[in-house]
Amino acid sequence: MPNESLGREELVAWKSSLPINYYDDDHHLRHVLDAWATPARRSALDGTLSRFGHVVATEIEPAVVTLEQHREFPRHVPYDAVGQRIERIDFHPARDVVSSRVWDSGLVHATDPFEQAALFYLLSHVGEGGVACPVVCTVGLGRAVARRGSAVLQDRYLQGLRSATYDGALRGSQFLTEVQGGSDVGANEVVADDDENHPGAYRLRGEKWFCSVIDADLFAITARPRHAPAGTRGLGLFLVPRTLDGVSPNGFRIRQLKDKLGTRALASAEIDLDGAVGWPIGDVTEGFKVAVQDLLNTSRWLNAVGSTGLMRRAYLEAMGFVQHRTAFGTPLAARPIIREQLATMKMHSYAALSSTFALTSLQSAIDAGVAGDREVAVHRFLVNANKYVTSAAATDVVHRGIELLGGNGTIESFSPLPRLYRDAVVYESWEGTHNVLCAQIQRDFQRLGLLEEVVAWIRTLLVAGPHHLAEPVSEALDAVVTGVRWTLVEPDERLGYFRRYVDDLMRLVQAATMIHELAHDGTDAAAVAQLFVATYVLRDLDALCPPLANAALGDDLS
């Protein structure tokens, strides 16, 4: 057979080998759910997750490919045919296919964090896809309205925000960033004045710089009431409907859509507010607190979930490729250097899923009202630190997948990895850059004494774990804690050091959560945990070389 025919047959075989159900194919997700969710909750999810895992692979992925490969990106339509301002965003019809399948899965409607996280993880196998951000924003706004909104806001909007179908959905968004401040939300200058025509409402005026989901039905916008103090203490959070009459824009004008590196099927814009009518979500003096607790924390939690889905998809693509591809007369999968790359990808994927579902268990306890002080403290740390390390790891893992595919890995029509890579880079800045998150963690350690609670929580996870894994993690924890405390003595000067210690501390968190999960059956979880501890705790330079890498890959290369 000619070499070119053989090579093409290898590629066809690779494509044919990829899963058509991302849940049924993922034994590790089931293992992690067994470890963190209650047995009743766990068993109730199987059917829902299996159905959606098939939908993502066979319906949502092809629709996202259509949007990306044909460059069918959002288009701003400021006026209708007779010149009336409408500020509409037009999308390719495939966007509605994606959105309807996602909403109909129950992801937005669900109130159980485990169900939302598992569904969002499966969805994220396609990247952002023009829908992940709208889902996250809608879930966060639904939480804010349910917890803080007035009876009027709840009656008017909550059912739509938690719709079980796309046809009845109200999609949410959140506009916090302004050009002069960026991540420094306390520098925001959009103002809010009392609205004489709508009791209890305000009129918002000013500019918002980064507004994703600009096509949403409801905007959550920070603004400063007249005579309110400077900084974040003076900000209110307002729910602003897109339109008050069903046609005309509610006091806003879109300047332009953002031309982004990734998440290209998602409409992000700059807008001017000129008397937009909005209602406070919660007390108008606590807007920033509401924004952080209900919007940003939700986004950071689900951002980490999304990063784990990106990693899993990259691993599936790379693993399938090397199993079917030969080079220089040798199967790629037989080469130790290839196995080391795959083992590294798998290790980061497992670690991220583990720490993220540990965070999900804390979120579940908080939502149920059964979380103690320690759980609340650890959640405050982990929601920020986990978002930081998982988003950075996702970019690295997808990049490694591209490398394993060689030049083909950069071709948009050949694999999803270029799309996933672009999205991963955006996920790193979504709801907080790494430096902003590390600075927040440092402030929390100083003001709230979170470090001791985090350390105690880690040690509880290690209690039932295998001694040969738990002991080195416990010993390393002592050294990291000493380093963290040193950085808190002069926080401004030592913030750079602190970020490195956050990396180290989160490696220990991930090791501890993986060790905790070993009490439940996992096909290859023990081998991956051992590789992770050897690499990041013992810092064994030979850890990735056989046999640990081969053991971690388990049956994946059979």
Foldseek 3Di string as FASTA:
>chain_A
DDPVVLQVVLLVQLVVPFDLFQVVVDQLLLLLCVLQPDPVVSVVQVVLRRVLSNCLRPPLLVLLLVCPVVVFAKDWDQADPVGAGFRAIDGDVSLVSNQQSLLLSQLQQDPQLVNVLSSLLSNLLNPCSQPSQQSLQLSLVLQLCVVFNDPVCCVVANCQSNDSGPVSHFTEWEFQADDVAGVQSLQDAWEWEDDPVDPQKTFTWDKTFKTWCPNGQKYWYWHFYPPADGGPQRIFIWIFGQDDPVGHGQQKDWPDWDCALAPRNITITMMTGGGGITHTRHDRSCHVVSCVPRRLLSLLLSLLSSLLSLLVSLLSSLLSSQLSDDDPRGRSVVDQVSLLLSLLSLLLSSLSSLLSVVLSSLVSCVVVVNDDPLSVLVNVLSSLLSSQVSLVSSLVSLVSSLVSVPPLSCDSVSDSSSNSNSSSVVSCPVSHHLLRSLLVNLVCCVPPVSPVSLLVVLLVLLPPFDCVQSVLLNVQSVVLVVQCVVCSVPVVVNSVVSSVSSVLSSLSVSLSSLRSSVVGDDQQSVLSSVLSCVCRRVVPPCSSGPPSSVSNCPPSSD
